[in-house]
Structures are given as structure tokens and as C-alpha cells.
Amino acid sequence: DLSEGKSFYMKEVDTIKEMISRSQEGTANLFLFDE
């Protein structure tokens, strides 16, 4: 994201960090990753 100044890796970091947060809510989750 050029507008936010974030590299591809940082977008991955932000997205997966959010998934980790969601996994702690005690609900059933389906997490989909591609490489």
C-alpha cells in the first residue's frame, strides 16, 4: 500500500496480527492463508 507506506510484508503482518486477535475471542474461526 503506497498510500500508507506499507510493504507487502507489513500488510501480511497487520492482517495476520488481526487474525491472532480474533482467535482469542473464543469463537470458531476459519483462517485462510496463501503462501
PDB file of all heavy atoms in Angstrom:
ATOM      1  N   ASP A   1       0.848  -1.184   0.000  1.00  0.00           N
ATOM      2  CA  ASP A   1       0.000   0.000   0.000  1.00  0.00           C
ATOM      3  C   ASP A   1       0.890   1.242   0.000  1.00  0.00           C
ATOM      4  O   ASP A   1       1.467   1.614   1.022  1.00  0.00           O
ATOM      5  CB  ASP A   1      -0.902  -0.007   1.233  1.00  0.00           C
ATOM      6  CG  ASP A   1      -2.027   1.014   1.124  1.00  0.00           C
ATOM      7  OD1 ASP A   1      -1.785   2.095   0.560  1.00  0.00           O
ATOM      8  OD2 ASP A   1      -3.139   0.727   1.603  1.00  0.00           O
ATOM      9  N   LEU A   2       1.006   1.888  -1.164  1.00  0.00           N
ATOM     10  CA  LEU A   2       1.845   3.072  -1.280  1.00  0.00           C
ATOM     11  C   LEU A   2       1.285   4.238  -0.465  1.00  0.00           C
ATOM     12  O   LEU A   2       2.038   5.029   0.098  1.00  0.00           O
ATOM     13  CB  LEU A   2       1.978   3.478  -2.742  1.00  0.00           C
ATOM     14  CG  LEU A   2       2.736   2.500  -3.655  1.00  0.00           C
ATOM     15  CD1 LEU A   2       2.721   3.004  -5.085  1.00  0.00           C
ATOM     16  CD2 LEU A   2       4.153   2.297  -3.170  1.00  0.00           C
ATOM     17  N   SER A   3      -0.048   4.342  -0.409  1.00  0.00           N
ATOM     18  CA  SER A   3      -0.646   5.469   0.307  1.00  0.00           C
ATOM     19  C   SER A   3      -0.356   5.401   1.799  1.00  0.00           C
ATOM     20  O   SER A   3      -0.237   6.436   2.462  1.00  0.00           O
ATOM     21  CB  SER A   3      -2.159   5.506   0.068  1.00  0.00           C
ATOM     22  OG  SER A   3      -2.777   4.324   0.570  1.00  0.00           O
ATOM     23  N   GLU A   4      -0.261   4.180   2.343  1.00  0.00           N
ATOM     24  CA  GLU A   4       0.042   4.022   3.763  1.00  0.00           C
ATOM     25  C   GLU A   4       1.526   3.801   4.011  1.00  0.00           C
ATOM     26  O   GLU A   4       1.962   3.738   5.165  1.00  0.00           O
ATOM     27  CB  GLU A   4      -0.743   2.848   4.343  1.00  0.00           C
ATOM     28  CG  GLU A   4      -2.249   3.053   4.334  1.00  0.00           C
ATOM     29  CD  GLU A   4      -2.991   1.888   4.956  1.00  0.00           C
ATOM     30  OE1 GLU A   4      -2.309   0.975   5.491  1.00  0.00           O
ATOM     31  OE2 GLU A   4      -4.227   1.879   4.929  1.00  0.00           O
ATOM     32  N   GLY A   5       2.304   3.676   2.943  1.00  0.00           N
ATOM     33  CA  GLY A   5       3.733   3.438   3.096  1.00  0.00           C
ATOM     34  C   GLY A   5       4.047   2.077   3.678  1.00  0.00           C
ATOM     35  O   GLY A   5       5.023   1.926   4.422  1.00  0.00           O
ATOM     36  N   LYS A   6       3.250   1.070   3.331  1.00  0.00           N
ATOM     37  CA  LYS A   6       3.440  -0.269   3.878  1.00  0.00           C
ATOM     38  C   LYS A   6       3.848  -1.234   2.776  1.00  0.00           C
ATOM     39  O   LYS A   6       3.234  -1.269   1.702  1.00  0.00           O
ATOM     40  CB  LYS A   6       2.159  -0.772   4.555  1.00  0.00           C
ATOM     41  CG  LYS A   6       1.826  -0.044   5.842  1.00  0.00           C
ATOM     42  CD  LYS A   6       0.632  -0.672   6.546  1.00  0.00           C
ATOM     43  CE  LYS A   6       0.356   0.017   7.876  1.00  0.00           C
ATOM     44  NZ  LYS A   6      -0.778  -0.590   8.592  1.00  0.00           N
ATOM     45  N   SER A   7       4.869  -2.015   3.059  1.00  0.00           N
ATOM     46  CA  SER A   7       5.314  -3.038   2.121  1.00  0.00           C
ATOM     47  C   SER A   7       4.358  -4.228   2.157  1.00  0.00           C
ATOM     48  O   SER A   7       3.480  -4.325   3.030  1.00  0.00           O
ATOM     49  CB  SER A   7       6.719  -3.503   2.492  1.00  0.00           C
ATOM     50  OG  SER A   7       6.695  -4.180   3.749  1.00  0.00           O
ATOM     51  N   PHE A   8       4.570  -5.148   1.212  1.00  0.00           N
ATOM     52  CA  PHE A   8       3.747  -6.360   1.191  1.00  0.00           C
ATOM     53  C   PHE A   8       3.874  -7.121   2.509  1.00  0.00           C
ATOM     54  O   PHE A   8       2.876  -7.600   3.066  1.00  0.00           O
ATOM     55  CB  PHE A   8       4.170  -7.251   0.020  1.00  0.00           C
ATOM     56  CG  PHE A   8       3.425  -8.550  -0.047  1.00  0.00           C
ATOM     57  CD1 PHE A   8       2.196  -8.629  -0.662  1.00  0.00           C
ATOM     58  CD2 PHE A   8       3.956  -9.701   0.517  1.00  0.00           C
ATOM     59  CE1 PHE A   8       1.499  -9.834  -0.707  1.00  0.00           C
ATOM     60  CE2 PHE A   8       3.273 -10.903   0.473  1.00  0.00           C
ATOM     61  CZ  PHE A   8       2.037 -10.969  -0.141  1.00  0.00           C
ATOM     62  N   TYR A   9       5.094  -7.221   3.022  1.00  0.00           N
ATOM     63  CA  TYR A   9       5.307  -7.967   4.265  1.00  0.00           C
ATOM     64  C   TYR A   9       4.564  -7.317   5.431  1.00  0.00           C
ATOM     65  O   TYR A   9       3.965  -8.006   6.259  1.00  0.00           O
ATOM     66  CB  TYR A   9       6.797  -8.070   4.576  1.00  0.00           C
ATOM     67  CG  TYR A   9       7.090  -8.798   5.866  1.00  0.00           C
ATOM     68  CD1 TYR A   9       6.836 -10.157   5.989  1.00  0.00           C
ATOM     69  CD2 TYR A   9       7.607  -8.116   6.966  1.00  0.00           C
ATOM     70  CE1 TYR A   9       7.094 -10.831   7.171  1.00  0.00           C
ATOM     71  CE2 TYR A   9       7.870  -8.780   8.151  1.00  0.00           C
ATOM     72  CZ  TYR A   9       7.611 -10.141   8.256  1.00  0.00           C
ATOM     73  OH  TYR A   9       7.860 -10.799   9.432  1.00  0.00           O
ATOM     74  N   MET A  10       4.568  -5.977   5.494  1.00  0.00           N
ATOM     75  CA  MET A  10       3.866  -5.308   6.585  1.00  0.00           C
ATOM     76  C   MET A  10       2.355  -5.487   6.470  1.00  0.00           C
ATOM     77  O   MET A  10       1.659  -5.570   7.490  1.00  0.00           O
ATOM     78  CB  MET A  10       4.221  -3.820   6.611  1.00  0.00           C
ATOM     79  CG  MET A  10       5.602  -3.521   7.175  1.00  0.00           C
ATOM     80  SD  MET A  10       5.868  -4.275   8.811  1.00  0.00           S
ATOM     81  CE  MET A  10       4.546  -3.526   9.771  1.00  0.00           C
ATOM     82  N   LYS A  11       1.830  -5.551   5.251  1.00  0.00           N
ATOM     83  CA  LYS A  11       0.407  -5.845   5.093  1.00  0.00           C
ATOM     84  C   LYS A  11       0.088  -7.241   5.611  1.00  0.00           C
ATOM     85  O   LYS A  11      -0.947  -7.467   6.239  1.00  0.00           O
ATOM     86  CB  LYS A  11      -0.003  -5.717   3.623  1.00  0.00           C
ATOM     87  CG  LYS A  11       0.027  -4.297   3.086  1.00  0.00           C
ATOM     88  CD  LYS A  11      -1.025  -3.429   3.749  1.00  0.00           C
ATOM     89  CE  LYS A  11      -2.427  -3.810   3.317  1.00  0.00           C
ATOM     90  NZ  LYS A  11      -3.443  -2.869   3.830  1.00  0.00           N
ATOM     91  N   GLU A  12       1.006  -8.190   5.340  1.00  0.00           N
ATOM     92  CA  GLU A  12       0.834  -9.527   5.898  1.00  0.00           C
ATOM     93  C   GLU A  12       0.854  -9.491   7.420  1.00  0.00           C
ATOM     94  O   GLU A  12       0.024 -10.129   8.087  1.00  0.00           O
ATOM     95  CB  GLU A  12       1.956 -10.449   5.408  1.00  0.00           C
ATOM     96  CG  GLU A  12       1.803 -10.967   4.005  1.00  0.00           C
ATOM     97  CD  GLU A  12       2.866 -12.005   3.685  1.00  0.00           C
ATOM     98  OE1 GLU A  12       4.066 -11.682   3.795  1.00  0.00           O
ATOM     99  OE2 GLU A  12       2.502 -13.148   3.344  1.00  0.00           O
ATOM    100  N   VAL A  13       1.811  -8.764   7.968  1.00  0.00           N
ATOM    101  CA  VAL A  13       1.942  -8.683   9.427  1.00  0.00           C
ATOM    102  C   VAL A  13       0.660  -8.131  10.048  1.00  0.00           C
ATOM    103  O   VAL A  13       0.138  -8.683  11.028  1.00  0.00           O
ATOM    104  CB  VAL A  13       3.159  -7.803   9.803  1.00  0.00           C
ATOM    105  CG1 VAL A  13       3.155  -7.502  11.299  1.00  0.00           C
ATOM    106  CG2 VAL A  13       4.457  -8.505   9.408  1.00  0.00           C
ATOM    107  N   ASP A  14       0.134  -7.036   9.493  1.00  0.00           N
ATOM    108  CA  ASP A  14      -1.081  -6.428  10.038  1.00  0.00           C
ATOM    109  C   ASP A  14      -2.272  -7.376   9.943  1.00  0.00           C
ATOM    110  O   ASP A  14      -3.065  -7.508  10.886  1.00  0.00           O
ATOM    111  CB  ASP A  14      -1.398  -5.129   9.299  1.00  0.00           C
ATOM    112  CG  ASP A  14      -0.382  -4.031   9.594  1.00  0.00           C
ATOM    113  OD1 ASP A  14       0.358  -4.162  10.589  1.00  0.00           O
ATOM    114  OD2 ASP A  14      -0.319  -3.052   8.820  1.00  0.00           O
ATOM    115  N   THR A  15      -2.412  -8.035   8.786  1.00  0.00           N
ATOM    116  CA  THR A  15      -3.544  -8.932   8.575  1.00  0.00           C
ATOM    117  C   THR A  15      -3.488 -10.125   9.519  1.00  0.00           C
ATOM    118  O   THR A  15      -4.494 -10.503  10.144  1.00  0.00           O
ATOM    119  CB  THR A  15      -3.584  -9.415   7.113  1.00  0.00           C
ATOM    120  OG1 THR A  15      -3.673  -8.286   6.246  1.00  0.00           O
ATOM    121  CG2 THR A  15      -4.771 -10.332   6.871  1.00  0.00           C
ATOM    122  N   ILE A  16      -2.327 -10.736   9.635  1.00  0.00           N
ATOM    123  CA  ILE A  16      -2.201 -11.932  10.467  1.00  0.00           C
ATOM    124  C   ILE A  16      -2.268 -11.573  11.953  1.00  0.00           C
ATOM    125  O   ILE A  16      -2.781 -12.346  12.766  1.00  0.00           O
ATOM    126  CB  ILE A  16      -0.905 -12.687  10.118  1.00  0.00           C
ATOM    127  CG1 ILE A  16      -0.999 -13.191   8.664  1.00  0.00           C
ATOM    128  CG2 ILE A  16      -0.657 -13.845  11.063  1.00  0.00           C
ATOM    129  CD1 ILE A  16       0.268 -13.809   8.131  1.00  0.00           C
ATOM    130  N   LYS A  17      -1.795 -10.393  12.319  1.00  0.00           N
ATOM    131  CA  LYS A  17      -1.949  -9.945  13.706  1.00  0.00           C
ATOM    132  C   LYS A  17      -3.426  -9.829  14.069  1.00  0.00           C
ATOM    133  O   LYS A  17      -3.841 -10.200  15.176  1.00  0.00           O
ATOM    134  CB  LYS A  17      -1.248  -8.601  13.899  1.00  0.00           C
ATOM    135  CG  LYS A  17      -1.354  -8.067  15.320  1.00  0.00           C
ATOM    136  CD  LYS A  17      -0.704  -6.700  15.462  1.00  0.00           C
ATOM    137  CE  LYS A  17      -0.884  -6.152  16.871  1.00  0.00           C
ATOM    138  NZ  LYS A  17      -0.279  -4.794  17.018  1.00  0.00           N
ATOM    139  N   GLU A  18      -4.220  -9.301  13.140  1.00  0.00           N
ATOM    140  CA  GLU A  18      -5.662  -9.210  13.374  1.00  0.00           C
ATOM    141  C   GLU A  18      -6.277 -10.596  13.531  1.00  0.00           C
ATOM    142  O   GLU A  18      -7.162 -10.808  14.369  1.00  0.00           O
ATOM    143  CB  GLU A  18      -6.317  -8.467  12.202  1.00  0.00           C
ATOM    144  CG  GLU A  18      -7.828  -8.350  12.276  1.00  0.00           C
ATOM    145  CD  GLU A  18      -8.308  -7.451  13.400  1.00  0.00           C
ATOM    146  OE1 GLU A  18      -7.483  -6.680  13.955  1.00  0.00           O
ATOM    147  OE2 GLU A  18      -9.517  -7.503  13.720  1.00  0.00           O
ATOM    148  N   MET A  19      -5.823 -11.563  12.736  1.00  0.00           N
ATOM    149  CA  MET A  19      -6.324 -12.929  12.864  1.00  0.00           C
ATOM    150  C   MET A  19      -6.003 -13.504  14.245  1.00  0.00           C
ATOM    151  O   MET A  19      -6.835 -14.179  14.861  1.00  0.00           O
ATOM    152  CB  MET A  19      -5.723 -13.809  11.768  1.00  0.00           C
ATOM    153  CG  MET A  19      -6.207 -13.505  10.366  1.00  0.00           C
ATOM    154  SD  MET A  19      -5.450 -14.636   9.184  1.00  0.00           S
ATOM    155  CE  MET A  19      -6.354 -14.221   7.695  1.00  0.00           C
ATOM    156  N   ILE A  20      -4.792 -13.261  14.716  1.00  0.00           N
ATOM    157  CA  ILE A  20      -4.408 -13.757  16.042  1.00  0.00           C
ATOM    158  C   ILE A  20      -5.304 -13.146  17.117  1.00  0.00           C
ATOM    159  O   ILE A  20      -5.739 -13.839  18.056  1.00  0.00           O
ATOM    160  CB  ILE A  20      -2.920 -13.445  16.309  1.00  0.00           C
ATOM    161  CG1 ILE A  20      -2.037 -14.293  15.386  1.00  0.00           C
ATOM    162  CG2 ILE A  20      -2.566 -13.703  17.767  1.00  0.00           C
ATOM    163  CD1 ILE A  20      -0.559 -13.985  15.492  1.00  0.00           C
ATOM    164  N   SER A  21      -5.624 -11.872  16.974  1.00  0.00           N
ATOM    165  CA  SER A  21      -6.518 -11.226  17.931  1.00  0.00           C
ATOM    166  C   SER A  21      -7.902 -11.864  17.889  1.00  0.00           C
ATOM    167  O   SER A  21      -8.519 -12.119  18.933  1.00  0.00           O
ATOM    168  CB  SER A  21      -6.617  -9.723  17.635  1.00  0.00           C
ATOM    169  OG  SER A  21      -5.363  -9.089  17.764  1.00  0.00           O
ATOM    170  N   ARG A  22      -8.401 -12.128  16.673  1.00  0.00           N
ATOM    171  CA  ARG A  22      -9.725 -12.744  16.533  1.00  0.00           C
ATOM    172  C   ARG A  22      -9.755 -14.154  17.103  1.00  0.00           C
ATOM    173  O   ARG A  22     -10.787 -14.615  17.607  1.00  0.00           O
ATOM    174  CB  ARG A  22     -10.138 -12.770  15.061  1.00  0.00           C
ATOM    175  CG  ARG A  22     -10.281 -11.398  14.421  1.00  0.00           C
ATOM    176  CD  ARG A  22     -11.365 -10.592  15.059  1.00  0.00           C
ATOM    177  NE  ARG A  22     -11.558  -9.308  14.393  1.00  0.00           N
ATOM    178  CZ  ARG A  22     -12.429  -8.389  14.786  1.00  0.00           C
ATOM    179  NH1 ARG A  22     -13.161  -8.596  15.877  1.00  0.00           N
ATOM    180  NH2 ARG A  22     -12.537  -7.247  14.129  1.00  0.00           N
ATOM    181  N   SER A  23      -8.643 -14.848  17.023  1.00  0.00           N
ATOM    182  CA  SER A  23      -8.608 -16.229  17.514  1.00  0.00           C
ATOM    183  C   SER A  23      -8.758 -16.315  19.021  1.00  0.00           C
ATOM    184  O   SER A  23      -9.043 -17.382  19.559  1.00  0.00           O
ATOM    185  CB  SER A  23      -7.291 -16.891  17.093  1.00  0.00           C
ATOM    186  OG  SER A  23      -6.196 -16.345  17.813  1.00  0.00           O
ATOM    187  N   GLN A  24      -8.586 -15.206  19.716  1.00  0.00           N
ATOM    188  CA  GLN A  24      -8.666 -15.193  21.174  1.00  0.00           C
ATOM    189  C   GLN A  24     -10.051 -14.815  21.682  1.00  0.00           C
ATOM    190  O   GLN A  24     -10.250 -14.655  22.881  1.00  0.00           O
ATOM    191  CB  GLN A  24      -7.623 -14.200  21.729  1.00  0.00           C
ATOM    192  CG  GLN A  24      -6.188 -14.578  21.376  1.00  0.00           C
ATOM    193  CD  GLN A  24      -5.188 -13.488  21.723  1.00  0.00           C
ATOM    194  OE1 GLN A  24      -5.556 -12.385  22.111  1.00  0.00           O
ATOM    195  NE2 GLN A  24      -3.905 -13.786  21.578  1.00  0.00           N
ATOM    196  N   GLU A  25     -11.021 -14.680  20.777  1.00  0.00           N
ATOM    197  CA  GLU A  25     -12.362 -14.275  21.181  1.00  0.00           C
ATOM    198  C   GLU A  25     -13.230 -15.445  21.605  1.00  0.00           C
ATOM    199  O   GLU A  25     -14.381 -15.244  22.011  1.00  0.00           O
ATOM    200  CB  GLU A  25     -13.031 -13.505  20.038  1.00  0.00           C
ATOM    201  CG  GLU A  25     -12.341 -12.186  19.722  1.00  0.00           C
ATOM    202  CD  GLU A  25     -13.004 -11.455  18.580  1.00  0.00           C
ATOM    203  OE1 GLU A  25     -13.907 -12.047  17.930  1.00  0.00           O
ATOM    204  OE2 GLU A  25     -12.625 -10.296  18.320  1.00  0.00           O
ATOM    205  N   GLY A  26     -12.730 -16.667  21.464  1.00  0.00           N
ATOM    206  CA  GLY A  26     -13.488 -17.837  21.905  1.00  0.00           C
ATOM    207  C   GLY A  26     -14.530 -18.325  20.930  1.00  0.00           C
ATOM    208  O   GLY A  26     -15.399 -19.127  21.300  1.00  0.00           O
ATOM    209  N   THR A  27     -14.483 -17.870  19.673  1.00  0.00           N
ATOM    210  CA  THR A  27     -15.414 -18.328  18.650  1.00  0.00           C
ATOM    211  C   THR A  27     -14.685 -19.248  17.672  1.00  0.00           C
ATOM    212  O   THR A  27     -13.460 -19.250  17.590  1.00  0.00           O
ATOM    213  CB  THR A  27     -16.005 -17.137  17.875  1.00  0.00           C
ATOM    214  OG1 THR A  27     -14.936 -16.387  17.281  1.00  0.00           O
ATOM    215  CG2 THR A  27     -16.795 -16.229  18.810  1.00  0.00           C
ATOM    216  N   ALA A  28     -15.468 -20.022  16.918  1.00  0.00           N
ATOM    217  CA  ALA A  28     -14.883 -20.872  15.884  1.00  0.00           C
ATOM    218  C   ALA A  28     -14.520 -20.019  14.679  1.00  0.00           C
ATOM    219  O   ALA A  28     -15.304 -19.170  14.244  1.00  0.00           O
ATOM    220  CB  ALA A  28     -15.863 -21.969  15.481  1.00  0.00           C
ATOM    221  N   ASN A  29     -13.330 -20.239  14.139  1.00  0.00           N
ATOM    222  CA  ASN A  29     -12.837 -19.414  13.040  1.00  0.00           C
ATOM    223  C   ASN A  29     -12.255 -20.282  11.931  1.00  0.00           C
ATOM    224  O   ASN A  29     -11.683 -21.345  12.194  1.00  0.00           O
ATOM    225  CB  ASN A  29     -11.745 -18.455  13.528  1.00  0.00           C
ATOM    226  CG  ASN A  29     -12.197 -17.570  14.667  1.00  0.00           C
ATOM    227  OD1 ASN A  29     -13.054 -16.720  14.501  1.00  0.00           O
ATOM    228  ND2 ASN A  29     -11.632 -17.790  15.856  1.00  0.00           N
ATOM    229  N   LEU A  30     -12.406 -19.788  10.709  1.00  0.00           N
ATOM    230  CA  LEU A  30     -11.737 -20.383   9.554  1.00  0.00           C
ATOM    231  C   LEU A  30     -10.713 -19.368   9.060  1.00  0.00           C
ATOM    232  O   LEU A  30     -11.065 -18.253   8.666  1.00  0.00           O
ATOM    233  CB  LEU A  30     -12.737 -20.693   8.440  1.00  0.00           C
ATOM    234  CG  LEU A  30     -12.146 -21.129   7.095  1.00  0.00           C
ATOM    235  CD1 LEU A  30     -11.414 -22.462   7.237  1.00  0.00           C
ATOM    236  CD2 LEU A  30     -13.226 -21.225   6.025  1.00  0.00           C
ATOM    237  N   PHE A  31      -9.431 -19.742   9.114  1.00  0.00           N
ATOM    238  CA  PHE A  31      -8.349 -18.870   8.670  1.00  0.00           C
ATOM    239  C   PHE A  31      -7.789 -19.402   7.357  1.00  0.00           C
ATOM    240  O   PHE A  31      -7.395 -20.577   7.277  1.00  0.00           O
ATOM    241  CB  PHE A  31      -7.244 -18.795   9.720  1.00  0.00           C
ATOM    242  CG  PHE A  31      -7.679 -18.150  11.010  1.00  0.00           C
ATOM    243  CD1 PHE A  31      -7.684 -18.866  12.190  1.00  0.00           C
ATOM    244  CD2 PHE A  31      -8.080 -16.831  11.039  1.00  0.00           C
ATOM    245  CE1 PHE A  31      -8.075 -18.283  13.378  1.00  0.00           C
ATOM    246  CE2 PHE A  31      -8.477 -16.221  12.218  1.00  0.00           C
ATOM    247  CZ  PHE A  31      -8.478 -16.949  13.394  1.00  0.00           C
ATOM    248  N   LEU A  32      -7.749 -18.539   6.353  1.00  0.00           N
ATOM    249  CA  LEU A  32      -7.278 -18.913   5.020  1.00  0.00           C
ATOM    250  C   LEU A  32      -5.998 -18.150   4.697  1.00  0.00           C
ATOM    251  O   LEU A  32      -5.970 -16.918   4.754  1.00  0.00           O
ATOM    252  CB  LEU A  32      -8.347 -18.609   3.966  1.00  0.00           C
ATOM    253  CG  LEU A  32      -9.734 -19.222   4.204  1.00  0.00           C
ATOM    254  CD1 LEU A  32     -10.714 -18.740   3.147  1.00  0.00           C
ATOM    255  CD2 LEU A  32      -9.662 -20.743   4.224  1.00  0.00           C
ATOM    256  N   PHE A  33      -4.935 -18.894   4.366  1.00  0.00           N
ATOM    257  CA  PHE A  33      -3.649 -18.298   4.014  1.00  0.00           C
ATOM    258  C   PHE A  33      -3.198 -18.832   2.660  1.00  0.00           C
ATOM    259  O   PHE A  33      -3.434 -20.001   2.340  1.00  0.00           O
ATOM    260  CB  PHE A  33      -2.570 -18.642   5.049  1.00  0.00           C
ATOM    261  CG  PHE A  33      -2.864 -18.176   6.445  1.00  0.00           C
ATOM    262  CD1 PHE A  33      -3.427 -19.036   7.372  1.00  0.00           C
ATOM    263  CD2 PHE A  33      -2.579 -16.881   6.842  1.00  0.00           C
ATOM    264  CE1 PHE A  33      -3.694 -18.623   8.666  1.00  0.00           C
ATOM    265  CE2 PHE A  33      -2.843 -16.450   8.127  1.00  0.00           C
ATOM    266  CZ  PHE A  33      -3.409 -17.322   9.041  1.00  0.00           C
ATOM    267  N   ASP A  34      -2.532 -17.978   1.909  1.00  0.00           N
ATOM    268  CA  ASP A  34      -1.932 -18.403   0.641  1.00  0.00           C
ATOM    269  C   ASP A  34      -0.447 -18.072   0.692  1.00  0.00           C
ATOM    270  O   ASP A  34      -0.060 -16.904   0.584  1.00  0.00           O
ATOM    271  CB  ASP A  34      -2.606 -17.692  -0.531  1.00  0.00           C
ATOM    272  CG  ASP A  34      -2.097 -18.189  -1.873  1.00  0.00           C
ATOM    273  OD1 ASP A  34      -1.533 -19.305  -1.918  1.00  0.00           O
ATOM    274  OD2 ASP A  34      -2.249 -17.458  -2.875  1.00  0.00           O
ATOM    275  N   GLU A  35       0.384 -19.109   0.863  1.00  0.00           N
ATOM    276  CA  GLU A  35       1.839 -18.935   0.963  1.00  0.00           C
ATOM    277  C   GLU A  35       2.163 -17.903   2.049  1.00  0.00           C
ATOM    278  O   GLU A  35       2.657 -16.809   1.774  1.00  0.00           O
ATOM    279  CB  GLU A  35       2.427 -18.521  -0.389  1.00  0.00           C
ATOM    280  CG  GLU A  35       2.203 -19.567  -1.473  1.00  0.00           C
ATOM    281  CD  GLU A  35       2.752 -19.110  -2.815  1.00  0.00           C
ATOM    282  OE1 GLU A  35       3.684 -18.290  -2.815  1.00  0.00           O
ATOM    283  OE2 GLU A  35       2.252 -19.582  -3.854  1.00  0.00           O
TER     284      GLU A  35
END
